[in-house]
PDB file of all heavy atoms in Angstrom:
ATOM      1  N   THR A   1       0.855  -1.185   0.000  1.00  0.00           N
ATOM      2  CA  THR A   1       0.000   0.000   0.000  1.00  0.00           C
ATOM      3  C   THR A   1       0.888   1.231   0.000  1.00  0.00           C
ATOM      4  O   THR A   1       2.080   1.164   0.311  1.00  0.00           O
ATOM      5  CB  THR A   1      -0.907   0.030   1.245  1.00  0.00           C
ATOM      6  OG1 THR A   1      -0.068   0.107   2.400  1.00  0.00           O
ATOM      7  CG2 THR A   1      -1.781  -1.210   1.321  1.00  0.00           C
ATOM      8  N   GLY A   2       0.272   2.349  -0.346  1.00  0.00           N
ATOM      9  CA  GLY A   2       1.027   3.594  -0.354  1.00  0.00           C
ATOM     10  C   GLY A   2       1.557   3.959   1.024  1.00  0.00           C
ATOM     11  O   GLY A   2       2.559   4.660   1.151  1.00  0.00           O
ATOM     12  N   ALA A   3       0.896   3.461   2.057  1.00  0.00           N
ATOM     13  CA  ALA A   3       1.292   3.840   3.415  1.00  0.00           C
ATOM     14  C   ALA A   3       2.541   3.086   3.882  1.00  0.00           C
ATOM     15  O   ALA A   3       3.359   3.629   4.623  1.00  0.00           O
ATOM     16  CB  ALA A   3       0.141   3.577   4.377  1.00  0.00           C
ATOM     17  N   PHE A   4       2.667   1.816   3.465  1.00  0.00           N
ATOM     18  CA  PHE A   4       3.801   1.007   3.921  1.00  0.00           C
ATOM     19  C   PHE A   4       4.565   0.509   2.706  1.00  0.00           C
ATOM     20  O   PHE A   4       3.993  -0.158   1.855  1.00  0.00           O
ATOM     21  CB  PHE A   4       3.315  -0.208   4.731  1.00  0.00           C
ATOM     22  CG  PHE A   4       2.569   0.177   5.958  1.00  0.00           C
ATOM     23  CD1 PHE A   4       1.188   0.156   5.964  1.00  0.00           C
ATOM     24  CD2 PHE A   4       3.235   0.572   7.105  1.00  0.00           C
ATOM     25  CE1 PHE A   4       0.468   0.532   7.094  1.00  0.00           C
ATOM     26  CE2 PHE A   4       2.530   0.939   8.236  1.00  0.00           C
ATOM     27  CZ  PHE A   4       1.151   0.925   8.235  1.00  0.00           C
ATOM     28  N   ASN A   5       5.852   0.819   2.673  1.00  0.00           N
ATOM     29  CA  ASN A   5       6.639   0.418   1.506  1.00  0.00           C
ATOM     30  C   ASN A   5       7.193  -0.989   1.733  1.00  0.00           C
ATOM     31  O   ASN A   5       8.397  -1.196   1.753  1.00  0.00           O
ATOM     32  CB  ASN A   5       7.751   1.428   1.273  1.00  0.00           C
ATOM     33  CG  ASN A   5       8.305   1.299  -0.130  1.00  0.00           C
ATOM     34  OD1 ASN A   5       7.696   0.656  -0.976  1.00  0.00           O
ATOM     35  ND2 ASN A   5       9.452   1.882  -0.370  1.00  0.00           N
ATOM     36  N   LYS A   6       6.285  -1.956   1.918  1.00  0.00           N
ATOM     37  CA  LYS A   6       6.709  -3.314   2.246  1.00  0.00           C
ATOM     38  C   LYS A   6       5.775  -4.286   1.535  1.00  0.00           C
ATOM     39  O   LYS A   6       4.553  -4.128   1.577  1.00  0.00           O
ATOM     40  CB  LYS A   6       6.615  -3.471   3.764  1.00  0.00           C
ATOM     41  CG  LYS A   6       6.551  -4.873   4.308  1.00  0.00           C
ATOM     42  CD  LYS A   6       6.484  -4.801   5.835  1.00  0.00           C
ATOM     43  CE  LYS A   6       6.060  -6.122   6.464  1.00  0.00           C
ATOM     44  NZ  LYS A   6       4.735  -6.587   6.023  1.00  0.00           N
ATOM     45  N   TRP A   7       6.368  -5.271   0.852  1.00  0.00           N
ATOM     46  CA  TRP A   7       5.555  -6.233   0.098  1.00  0.00           C
ATOM     47  C   TRP A   7       4.963  -7.276   1.031  1.00  0.00           C
ATOM     48  O   TRP A   7       5.661  -7.811   1.896  1.00  0.00           O
ATOM     49  CB  TRP A   7       6.423  -6.926  -0.964  1.00  0.00           C
ATOM     50  CG  TRP A   7       6.834  -5.996  -2.054  1.00  0.00           C
ATOM     51  CD1 TRP A   7       8.061  -5.417  -2.227  1.00  0.00           C
ATOM     52  CD2 TRP A   7       6.017  -5.522  -3.128  1.00  0.00           C
ATOM     53  NE1 TRP A   7       8.059  -4.611  -3.335  1.00  0.00           N
ATOM     54  CE2 TRP A   7       6.809  -4.660  -3.910  1.00  0.00           C
ATOM     55  CE3 TRP A   7       4.687  -5.738  -3.501  1.00  0.00           C
ATOM     56  CZ2 TRP A   7       6.323  -4.020  -5.039  1.00  0.00           C
ATOM     57  CZ3 TRP A   7       4.202  -5.102  -4.625  1.00  0.00           C
ATOM     58  CH2 TRP A   7       5.014  -4.252  -5.385  1.00  0.00           C
ATOM     59  N   ASP A   8       3.673  -7.555   0.845  1.00  0.00           N
ATOM     60  CA  ASP A   8       2.996  -8.580   1.641  1.00  0.00           C
ATOM     61  C   ASP A   8       2.395  -9.618   0.718  1.00  0.00           C
ATOM     62  O   ASP A   8       2.047  -9.323  -0.428  1.00  0.00           O
ATOM     63  CB  ASP A   8       1.863  -7.952   2.472  1.00  0.00           C
ATOM     64  CG  ASP A   8       2.408  -7.261   3.707  1.00  0.00           C
ATOM     65  OD1 ASP A   8       3.161  -7.915   4.452  1.00  0.00           O
ATOM     66  OD2 ASP A   8       2.083  -6.078   3.906  1.00  0.00           O
ATOM     67  N   GLU A   9       2.207 -10.811   1.262  1.00  0.00           N
ATOM     68  CA  GLU A   9       1.575 -11.867   0.471  1.00  0.00           C
ATOM     69  C   GLU A   9       0.068 -11.645   0.416  1.00  0.00           C
ATOM     70  O   GLU A   9      -0.525 -11.096   1.341  1.00  0.00           O
ATOM     71  CB  GLU A   9       1.861 -13.243   1.089  1.00  0.00           C
ATOM     72  CG  GLU A   9       3.307 -13.654   0.909  1.00  0.00           C
ATOM     73  CD  GLU A   9       3.495 -15.156   1.110  1.00  0.00           C
ATOM     74  OE1 GLU A   9       2.571 -15.804   1.632  1.00  0.00           O
ATOM     75  OE2 GLU A   9       4.562 -15.660   0.739  1.00  0.00           O
ATOM     76  N   MET A  10      -0.507 -12.091  -0.697  1.00  0.00           N
ATOM     77  CA  MET A  10      -1.948 -12.051  -0.836  1.00  0.00           C
ATOM     78  C   MET A  10      -2.448 -13.483  -0.784  1.00  0.00           C
ATOM     79  O   MET A  10      -1.717 -14.397  -0.458  1.00  0.00           O
ATOM     80  CB  MET A  10      -2.319 -11.377  -2.157  1.00  0.00           C
ATOM     81  CG  MET A  10      -2.747  -9.959  -1.894  1.00  0.00           C
ATOM     82  SD  MET A  10      -2.914  -8.920  -3.314  1.00  0.00           S
ATOM     83  CE  MET A  10      -3.943  -9.774  -4.408  1.00  0.00           C
ATOM     84  N   ASN A  11      -3.720 -13.668  -1.159  1.00  0.00           N
ATOM     85  CA  ASN A  11      -4.277 -15.028  -1.147  1.00  0.00           C
ATOM     86  C   ASN A  11      -3.934 -15.745  -2.446  1.00  0.00           C
ATOM     87  O   ASN A  11      -4.651 -16.616  -2.882  1.00  0.00           O
ATOM     88  CB  ASN A  11      -5.797 -14.954  -0.965  1.00  0.00           C
ATOM     89  CG  ASN A  11      -6.410 -13.939  -1.919  1.00  0.00           C
ATOM     90  OD1 ASN A  11      -5.701 -13.244  -2.645  1.00  0.00           O
ATOM     91  ND2 ASN A  11      -7.722 -13.849  -1.927  1.00  0.00           N
ATOM     92  N   CYS A  12      -2.864 -15.323  -3.113  1.00  0.00           N
ATOM     93  CA  CYS A  12      -2.491 -15.909  -4.406  1.00  0.00           C
ATOM     94  C   CYS A  12      -1.002 -16.232  -4.390  1.00  0.00           C
ATOM     95  O   CYS A  12      -0.176 -15.482  -4.923  1.00  0.00           O
ATOM     96  CB  CYS A  12      -2.811 -14.945  -5.543  1.00  0.00           C
ATOM     97  SG  CYS A  12      -4.570 -14.553  -5.666  1.00  0.00           S
ATOM     98  N   THR A  13      -0.654 -17.327  -3.730  1.00  0.00           N
ATOM     99  CA  THR A  13       0.737 -17.774  -3.670  1.00  0.00           C
ATOM    100  C   THR A  13       0.827 -19.138  -4.346  1.00  0.00           C
ATOM    101  O   THR A  13       0.065 -20.051  -4.014  1.00  0.00           O
ATOM    102  CB  THR A  13       1.204 -17.864  -2.199  1.00  0.00           C
ATOM    103  OG1 THR A  13       1.105 -16.561  -1.613  1.00  0.00           O
ATOM    104  CG2 THR A  13       2.640 -18.341  -2.118  1.00  0.00           C
ATOM    105  N   ARG A  14       1.680 -19.235  -5.330  1.00  0.00           N
ATOM    106  CA  ARG A  14       1.878 -20.475  -6.086  1.00  0.00           C
ATOM    107  C   ARG A  14       0.550 -20.994  -6.642  1.00  0.00           C
ATOM    108  O   ARG A  14       0.172 -22.144  -6.408  1.00  0.00           O
ATOM    109  CB  ARG A  14       2.588 -21.527  -5.229  1.00  0.00           C
ATOM    110  CG  ARG A  14       3.959 -21.059  -4.743  1.00  0.00           C
ATOM    111  CD  ARG A  14       4.693 -22.118  -3.920  1.00  0.00           C
ATOM    112  NE  ARG A  14       5.075 -23.276  -4.722  1.00  0.00           N
ATOM    113  CZ  ARG A  14       6.126 -23.314  -5.547  1.00  0.00           C
ATOM    114  NH1 ARG A  14       6.881 -22.257  -5.706  1.00  0.00           N
ATOM    115  NH2 ARG A  14       6.401 -24.409  -6.238  1.00  0.00           N
ATOM    116  N   ILE A  15      -0.128 -20.129  -7.375  1.00  0.00           N
ATOM    117  CA  ILE A  15      -1.401 -20.517  -7.990  1.00  0.00           C
ATOM    118  C   ILE A  15      -1.151 -20.894  -9.450  1.00  0.00           C
ATOM    119  O   ILE A  15      -0.163 -20.486 -10.048  1.00  0.00           O
ATOM    120  CB  ILE A  15      -2.442 -19.374  -7.907  1.00  0.00           C
ATOM    121  CG1 ILE A  15      -1.919 -18.106  -8.601  1.00  0.00           C
ATOM    122  CG2 ILE A  15      -2.826 -19.087  -6.463  1.00  0.00           C
ATOM    123  CD1 ILE A  15      -2.942 -16.997  -8.731  1.00  0.00           C
ATOM    124  N   THR A  16      -2.078 -21.674 -10.028  1.00  0.00           N
ATOM    125  CA  THR A  16      -1.902 -22.100 -11.416  1.00  0.00           C
ATOM    126  C   THR A  16      -2.595 -21.162 -12.403  1.00  0.00           C
ATOM    127  O   THR A  16      -2.185 -21.069 -13.550  1.00  0.00           O
ATOM    128  CB  THR A  16      -2.483 -23.515 -11.627  1.00  0.00           C
ATOM    129  OG1 THR A  16      -3.839 -23.510 -11.163  1.00  0.00           O
ATOM    130  CG2 THR A  16      -1.689 -24.546 -10.864  1.00  0.00           C
ATOM    131  N   HIS A  17      -3.655 -20.470 -11.968  1.00  0.00           N
ATOM    132  CA  HIS A  17      -4.377 -19.648 -12.947  1.00  0.00           C
ATOM    133  C   HIS A  17      -3.765 -18.250 -13.031  1.00  0.00           C
ATOM    134  O   HIS A  17      -2.948 -17.862 -12.201  1.00  0.00           O
ATOM    135  CB  HIS A  17      -5.883 -19.592 -12.655  1.00  0.00           C
ATOM    136  CG  HIS A  17      -6.211 -19.481 -11.209  1.00  0.00           C
ATOM    137  ND1 HIS A  17      -6.272 -20.563 -10.371  1.00  0.00           N
ATOM    138  CD2 HIS A  17      -6.478 -18.397 -10.449  1.00  0.00           C
ATOM    139  CE1 HIS A  17      -6.575 -20.161  -9.146  1.00  0.00           C
ATOM    140  NE2 HIS A  17      -6.697 -18.861  -9.171  1.00  0.00           N
ATOM    141  N   THR A  18      -4.173 -17.501 -14.050  1.00  0.00           N
ATOM    142  CA  THR A  18      -3.513 -16.230 -14.370  1.00  0.00           C
ATOM    143  C   THR A  18      -4.355 -15.036 -13.960  1.00  0.00           C
ATOM    144  O   THR A  18      -4.415 -14.020 -14.652  1.00  0.00           O
ATOM    145  CB  THR A  18      -3.206 -16.155 -15.880  1.00  0.00           C
ATOM    146  OG1 THR A  18      -4.432 -16.347 -16.590  1.00  0.00           O
ATOM    147  CG2 THR A  18      -2.232 -17.234 -16.300  1.00  0.00           C
ATOM    148  N   GLU A  19      -5.038 -15.177 -12.829  1.00  0.00           N
ATOM    149  CA  GLU A  19      -5.695 -14.011 -12.261  1.00  0.00           C
ATOM    150  C   GLU A  19      -5.822 -14.171 -10.763  1.00  0.00           C
ATOM    151  O   GLU A  19      -5.776 -15.295 -10.232  1.00  0.00           O
ATOM    152  CB  GLU A  19      -7.057 -13.739 -12.897  1.00  0.00           C
ATOM    153  CG  GLU A  19      -8.113 -14.765 -12.638  1.00  0.00           C
ATOM    154  CD  GLU A  19      -9.470 -14.256 -13.151  1.00  0.00           C
ATOM    155  OE1 GLU A  19      -9.564 -13.930 -14.338  1.00  0.00           O
ATOM    156  OE2 GLU A  19     -10.408 -14.193 -12.344  1.00  0.00           O
ATOM    157  N   CYS A  20      -5.948 -13.026 -10.098  1.00  0.00           N
ATOM    158  CA  CYS A  20      -6.005 -13.018  -8.639  1.00  0.00           C
ATOM    159  C   CYS A  20      -6.937 -11.891  -8.221  1.00  0.00           C
ATOM    160  O   CYS A  20      -6.721 -10.740  -8.583  1.00  0.00           O
ATOM    161  CB  CYS A  20      -4.593 -12.770  -8.094  1.00  0.00           C
ATOM    162  SG  CYS A  20      -4.530 -12.525  -6.317  1.00  0.00           S
ATOM    163  N   SER A  21      -8.006 -12.247  -7.491  1.00  0.00           N
ATOM    164  CA  SER A  21      -8.937 -11.216  -7.010  1.00  0.00           C
ATOM    165  C   SER A  21      -8.359 -10.526  -5.794  1.00  0.00           C
ATOM    166  O   SER A  21      -7.786 -11.184  -4.916  1.00  0.00           O
ATOM    167  CB  SER A  21     -10.274 -11.849  -6.625  1.00  0.00           C
ATOM    168  OG  SER A  21     -10.900 -12.370  -7.769  1.00  0.00           O
ATOM    169  N   LEU A  22      -8.553  -9.217  -5.719  1.00  0.00           N
ATOM    170  CA  LEU A  22      -8.087  -8.494  -4.536  1.00  0.00           C
ATOM    171  C   LEU A  22      -8.970  -8.871  -3.354  1.00  0.00           C
ATOM    172  O   LEU A  22     -10.194  -8.852  -3.461  1.00  0.00           O
ATOM    173  CB  LEU A  22      -8.149  -6.985  -4.767  1.00  0.00           C
ATOM    174  CG  LEU A  22      -6.897  -6.370  -5.384  1.00  0.00           C
ATOM    175  CD1 LEU A  22      -6.639  -6.924  -6.757  1.00  0.00           C
ATOM    176  CD2 LEU A  22      -6.997  -4.867  -5.417  1.00  0.00           C
ATOM    177  N   PRO A  23      -8.377  -9.214  -2.223  1.00  0.00           N
ATOM    178  CA  PRO A  23      -9.177  -9.641  -1.063  1.00  0.00           C
ATOM    179  C   PRO A  23      -9.901  -8.460  -0.424  1.00  0.00           C
ATOM    180  O   PRO A  23      -9.555  -7.304  -0.655  1.00  0.00           O
ATOM    181  CB  PRO A  23      -8.126 -10.208  -0.110  1.00  0.00           C
ATOM    182  CG  PRO A  23      -6.877  -9.477  -0.451  1.00  0.00           C
ATOM    183  CD  PRO A  23      -6.932  -9.214  -1.925  1.00  0.00           C
ATOM    184  N   TRP A  24     -10.899  -8.780   0.379  1.00  0.00           N
ATOM    185  CA  TRP A  24     -11.685  -7.725   1.030  1.00  0.00           C
ATOM    186  C   TRP A  24     -10.832  -6.885   1.972  1.00  0.00           C
ATOM    187  O   TRP A  24     -11.157  -5.742   2.244  1.00  0.00           O
ATOM    188  CB  TRP A  24     -12.864  -8.335   1.785  1.00  0.00           C
ATOM    189  CG  TRP A  24     -13.970  -8.659   0.848  1.00  0.00           C
ATOM    190  CD1 TRP A  24     -14.404  -9.901   0.479  1.00  0.00           C
ATOM    191  CD2 TRP A  24     -14.739  -7.735   0.094  1.00  0.00           C
ATOM    192  NE1 TRP A  24     -15.403  -9.790  -0.461  1.00  0.00           N
ATOM    193  CE2 TRP A  24     -15.626  -8.473  -0.714  1.00  0.00           C
ATOM    194  CE3 TRP A  24     -14.764  -6.340   0.002  1.00  0.00           C
ATOM    195  CZ2 TRP A  24     -16.531  -7.881  -1.589  1.00  0.00           C
ATOM    196  CZ3 TRP A  24     -15.666  -5.750  -0.872  1.00  0.00           C
ATOM    197  CH2 TRP A  24     -16.532  -6.513  -1.649  1.00  0.00           C
ATOM    198  N   SER A  25      -9.738  -7.453   2.464  1.00  0.00           N
ATOM    199  CA  SER A  25      -8.893  -6.660   3.365  1.00  0.00           C
ATOM    200  C   SER A  25      -8.289  -5.461   2.642  1.00  0.00           C
ATOM    201  O   SER A  25      -7.824  -4.525   3.274  1.00  0.00           O
ATOM    202  CB  SER A  25      -7.784  -7.541   3.940  1.00  0.00           C
ATOM    203  OG  SER A  25      -7.027  -8.109   2.876  1.00  0.00           O
ATOM    204  N   LEU A  26      -8.300  -5.496   1.301  1.00  0.00           N
ATOM    205  CA  LEU A  26      -7.755  -4.372   0.525  1.00  0.00           C
ATOM    206  C   LEU A  26      -8.856  -3.562  -0.140  1.00  0.00           C
ATOM    207  O   LEU A  26      -8.642  -2.942  -1.163  1.00  0.00           O
ATOM    208  CB  LEU A  26      -6.810  -4.905  -0.559  1.00  0.00           C
ATOM    209  CG  LEU A  26      -5.589  -5.656  -0.052  1.00  0.00           C
ATOM    210  CD1 LEU A  26      -4.724  -6.097  -1.214  1.00  0.00           C
ATOM    211  CD2 LEU A  26      -4.782  -4.783   0.899  1.00  0.00           C
ATOM    212  N   LYS A  27     -10.051  -3.555   0.473  1.00  0.00           N
ATOM    213  CA  LYS A  27     -11.157  -2.915  -0.232  1.00  0.00           C
ATOM    214  C   LYS A  27     -11.270  -1.423   0.048  1.00  0.00           C
ATOM    215  O   LYS A  27     -12.158  -0.775  -0.459  1.00  0.00           O
ATOM    216  CB  LYS A  27     -12.467  -3.623   0.080  1.00  0.00           C
ATOM    217  CG  LYS A  27     -13.041  -3.318   1.452  1.00  0.00           C
ATOM    218  CD  LYS A  27     -14.354  -4.059   1.616  1.00  0.00           C
ATOM    219  CE  LYS A  27     -15.172  -3.672   2.811  1.00  0.00           C
ATOM    220  NZ  LYS A  27     -14.523  -3.067   3.940  1.00  0.00           N
ATOM    221  N   GLU A  28     -10.374  -0.862   0.853  1.00  0.00           N
ATOM    222  CA  GLU A  28     -10.400   0.589   1.078  1.00  0.00           C
ATOM    223  C   GLU A  28     -10.305   1.289  -0.262  1.00  0.00           C
ATOM    224  O   GLU A  28      -9.319   1.132  -0.972  1.00  0.00           O
ATOM    225  CB  GLU A  28      -9.191   1.010   1.924  1.00  0.00           C
ATOM    226  CG  GLU A  28      -9.426   1.279   3.384  1.00  0.00           C
ATOM    227  CD  GLU A  28     -10.685   2.047   3.725  1.00  0.00           C
ATOM    228  OE1 GLU A  28     -11.004   3.047   3.053  1.00  0.00           O
ATOM    229  OE2 GLU A  28     -11.356   1.655   4.678  1.00  0.00           O
ATOM    230  N   ARG A  29     -11.319   2.068  -0.594  1.00  0.00           N
ATOM    231  CA  ARG A  29     -11.384   2.617  -1.945  1.00  0.00           C
ATOM    232  C   ARG A  29     -10.395   3.755  -2.170  1.00  0.00           C
ATOM    233  O   ARG A  29     -10.148   4.144  -3.296  1.00  0.00           O
ATOM    234  CB  ARG A  29     -12.805   3.088  -2.227  1.00  0.00           C
ATOM    235  CG  ARG A  29     -13.768   1.912  -2.269  1.00  0.00           C
ATOM    236  CD  ARG A  29     -15.199   2.347  -2.392  1.00  0.00           C
ATOM    237  NE  ARG A  29     -16.077   1.179  -2.433  1.00  0.00           N
ATOM    238  CZ  ARG A  29     -17.395   1.254  -2.488  1.00  0.00           C
ATOM    239  NH1 ARG A  29     -17.987   2.432  -2.477  1.00  0.00           N
ATOM    240  NH2 ARG A  29     -18.125   0.167  -2.535  1.00  0.00           N
ATOM    241  N   ARG A  30      -9.858   4.313  -1.092  1.00  0.00           N
ATOM    242  CA  ARG A  30      -8.924   5.437  -1.254  1.00  0.00           C
ATOM    243  C   ARG A  30      -7.472   5.007  -1.185  1.00  0.00           C
ATOM    244  O   ARG A  30      -6.596   5.809  -1.418  1.00  0.00           O
ATOM    245  CB  ARG A  30      -9.160   6.462  -0.154  1.00  0.00           C
ATOM    246  CG  ARG A  30     -10.473   7.112  -0.388  1.00  0.00           C
ATOM    247  CD  ARG A  30     -10.651   8.462   0.198  1.00  0.00           C
ATOM    248  NE  ARG A  30     -11.977   8.876  -0.252  1.00  0.00           N
ATOM    249  CZ  ARG A  30     -12.735   9.732   0.380  1.00  0.00           C
ATOM    250  NH1 ARG A  30     -12.318  10.298   1.466  1.00  0.00           N
ATOM    251  NH2 ARG A  30     -13.902  10.030  -0.114  1.00  0.00           N
ATOM    252  N   TRP A  31      -7.204   3.777  -0.809  1.00  0.00           N
ATOM    253  CA  TRP A  31      -5.821   3.332  -0.688  1.00  0.00           C
ATOM    254  C   TRP A  31      -5.148   3.291  -2.055  1.00  0.00           C
ATOM    255  O   TRP A  31      -5.756   2.932  -3.055  1.00  0.00           O
ATOM    256  CB  TRP A  31      -5.762   1.921  -0.102  1.00  0.00           C
ATOM    257  CG  TRP A  31      -5.987   1.875   1.368  1.00  0.00           C
ATOM    258  CD1 TRP A  31      -6.303   2.918   2.199  1.00  0.00           C
ATOM    259  CD2 TRP A  31      -5.932   0.700   2.190  1.00  0.00           C
ATOM    260  NE1 TRP A  31      -6.458   2.447   3.480  1.00  0.00           N
ATOM    261  CE2 TRP A  31      -6.232   1.107   3.503  1.00  0.00           C
ATOM    262  CE3 TRP A  31      -5.666  -0.640   1.934  1.00  0.00           C
ATOM    263  CZ2 TRP A  31      -6.253   0.210   4.574  1.00  0.00           C
ATOM    264  CZ3 TRP A  31      -5.696  -1.537   2.997  1.00  0.00           C
ATOM    265  CH2 TRP A  31      -5.987  -1.114   4.297  1.00  0.00           C
ATOM    266  N   THR A  32      -3.872   3.617  -2.055  1.00  0.00           N
ATOM    267  CA  THR A  32      -3.049   3.394  -3.240  1.00  0.00           C
ATOM    268  C   THR A  32      -2.411   2.015  -3.094  1.00  0.00           C
ATOM    269  O   THR A  32      -1.746   1.741  -2.087  1.00  0.00           O
ATOM    270  CB  THR A  32      -1.952   4.462  -3.353  1.00  0.00           C
ATOM    271  OG1 THR A  32      -2.579   5.745  -3.435  1.00  0.00           O
ATOM    272  CG2 THR A  32      -1.111   4.243  -4.587  1.00  0.00           C
ATOM    273  N   LEU A  33      -2.635   1.159  -4.068  1.00  0.00           N
ATOM    274  CA  LEU A  33      -2.078  -0.197  -4.052  1.00  0.00           C
ATOM    275  C   LEU A  33      -1.145  -0.385  -5.231  1.00  0.00           C
ATOM    276  O   LEU A  33      -1.405   0.120  -6.319  1.00  0.00           O
ATOM    277  CB  LEU A  33      -3.185  -1.248  -4.180  1.00  0.00           C
ATOM    278  CG  LEU A  33      -4.208  -1.377  -3.062  1.00  0.00           C
ATOM    279  CD1 LEU A  33      -5.259  -2.407  -3.454  1.00  0.00           C
ATOM    280  CD2 LEU A  33      -3.525  -1.807  -1.777  1.00  0.00           C
ATOM    281  N   VAL A  34      -0.076  -1.134  -5.001  1.00  0.00           N
ATOM    282  CA  VAL A  34       0.742  -1.631  -6.108  1.00  0.00           C
ATOM    283  C   VAL A  34       0.796  -3.145  -5.945  1.00  0.00           C
ATOM    284  O   VAL A  34       1.004  -3.652  -4.832  1.00  0.00           O
ATOM    285  CB  VAL A  34       2.168  -1.039  -6.076  1.00  0.00           C
ATOM    286  CG1 VAL A  34       3.012  -1.617  -7.207  1.00  0.00           C
ATOM    287  CG2 VAL A  34       2.110   0.482  -6.186  1.00  0.00           C
ATOM    288  N   LEU A  35       0.560  -3.879  -7.034  1.00  0.00           N
ATOM    289  CA  LEU A  35       0.648  -5.338  -7.003  1.00  0.00           C
ATOM    290  C   LEU A  35       1.846  -5.766  -7.841  1.00  0.00           C
ATOM    291  O   LEU A  35       2.300  -5.041  -8.723  1.00  0.00           O
ATOM    292  CB  LEU A  35      -0.619  -5.978  -7.571  1.00  0.00           C
ATOM    293  CG  LEU A  35      -1.950  -5.590  -6.934  1.00  0.00           C
ATOM    294  CD1 LEU A  35      -3.074  -6.417  -7.523  1.00  0.00           C
ATOM    295  CD2 LEU A  35      -1.914  -5.764  -5.434  1.00  0.00           C
ATOM    296  N   ARG A  36       2.349  -6.950  -7.555  1.00  0.00           N
ATOM    297  CA  ARG A  36       3.400  -7.509  -8.401  1.00  0.00           C
ATOM    298  C   ARG A  36       3.171  -9.010  -8.523  1.00  0.00           C
ATOM    299  O   ARG A  36       2.595  -9.634  -7.621  1.00  0.00           O
ATOM    300  CB  ARG A  36       4.791  -7.200  -7.844  1.00  0.00           C
ATOM    301  CG  ARG A  36       5.127  -7.877  -6.540  1.00  0.00           C
ATOM    302  CD  ARG A  36       6.537  -7.543  -6.084  1.00  0.00           C
ATOM    303  NE  ARG A  36       6.898  -8.329  -4.891  1.00  0.00           N
ATOM    304  CZ  ARG A  36       8.087  -8.259  -4.303  1.00  0.00           C
ATOM    305  NH1 ARG A  36       9.019  -7.442  -4.761  1.00  0.00           N
ATOM    306  NH2 ARG A  36       8.340  -9.008  -3.242  1.00  0.00           N
ATOM    307  N   VAL A  37       3.610  -9.579  -9.632  1.00  0.00           N
ATOM    308  CA  VAL A  37       3.433 -11.012  -9.875  1.00  0.00           C
ATOM    309  C   VAL A  37       4.716 -11.557 -10.479  1.00  0.00           C
ATOM    310  O   VAL A  37       5.423 -10.852 -11.205  1.00  0.00           O
ATOM    311  CB  VAL A  37       2.209 -11.265 -10.802  1.00  0.00           C
ATOM    312  CG1 VAL A  37       2.381 -10.586 -12.153  1.00  0.00           C
ATOM    313  CG2 VAL A  37       1.954 -12.760 -10.999  1.00  0.00           C
ATOM    314  N   ARG A  38       5.018 -12.808 -10.147  1.00  0.00           N
ATOM    315  CA  ARG A  38       6.153 -13.473 -10.793  1.00  0.00           C
ATOM    316  C   ARG A  38       5.758 -14.909 -11.113  1.00  0.00           C
ATOM    317  O   ARG A  38       4.802 -15.453 -10.539  1.00  0.00           O
ATOM    318  CB  ARG A  38       7.399 -13.442  -9.910  1.00  0.00           C
ATOM    319  CG  ARG A  38       7.344 -14.384  -8.737  1.00  0.00           C
ATOM    320  CD  ARG A  38       8.639 -14.362  -7.934  1.00  0.00           C
ATOM    321  NE  ARG A  38       8.575 -15.299  -6.822  1.00  0.00           N
ATOM    322  CZ  ARG A  38       9.488 -15.359  -5.856  1.00  0.00           C
ATOM    323  NH1 ARG A  38      10.516 -14.532  -5.861  1.00  0.00           N
ATOM    324  NH2 ARG A  38       9.359 -16.257  -4.885  1.00  0.00           N
TER     325      ARG A  38
END
């Protein structure tokens, strides 16, 4: 998030499909989010 410059795991670790829904814990509509995938 924009508030903490630290990467956290989401509910998508070692998944086979090519999409990941943002969890409700990240539903704050004003937050700045950056996601990354590998």
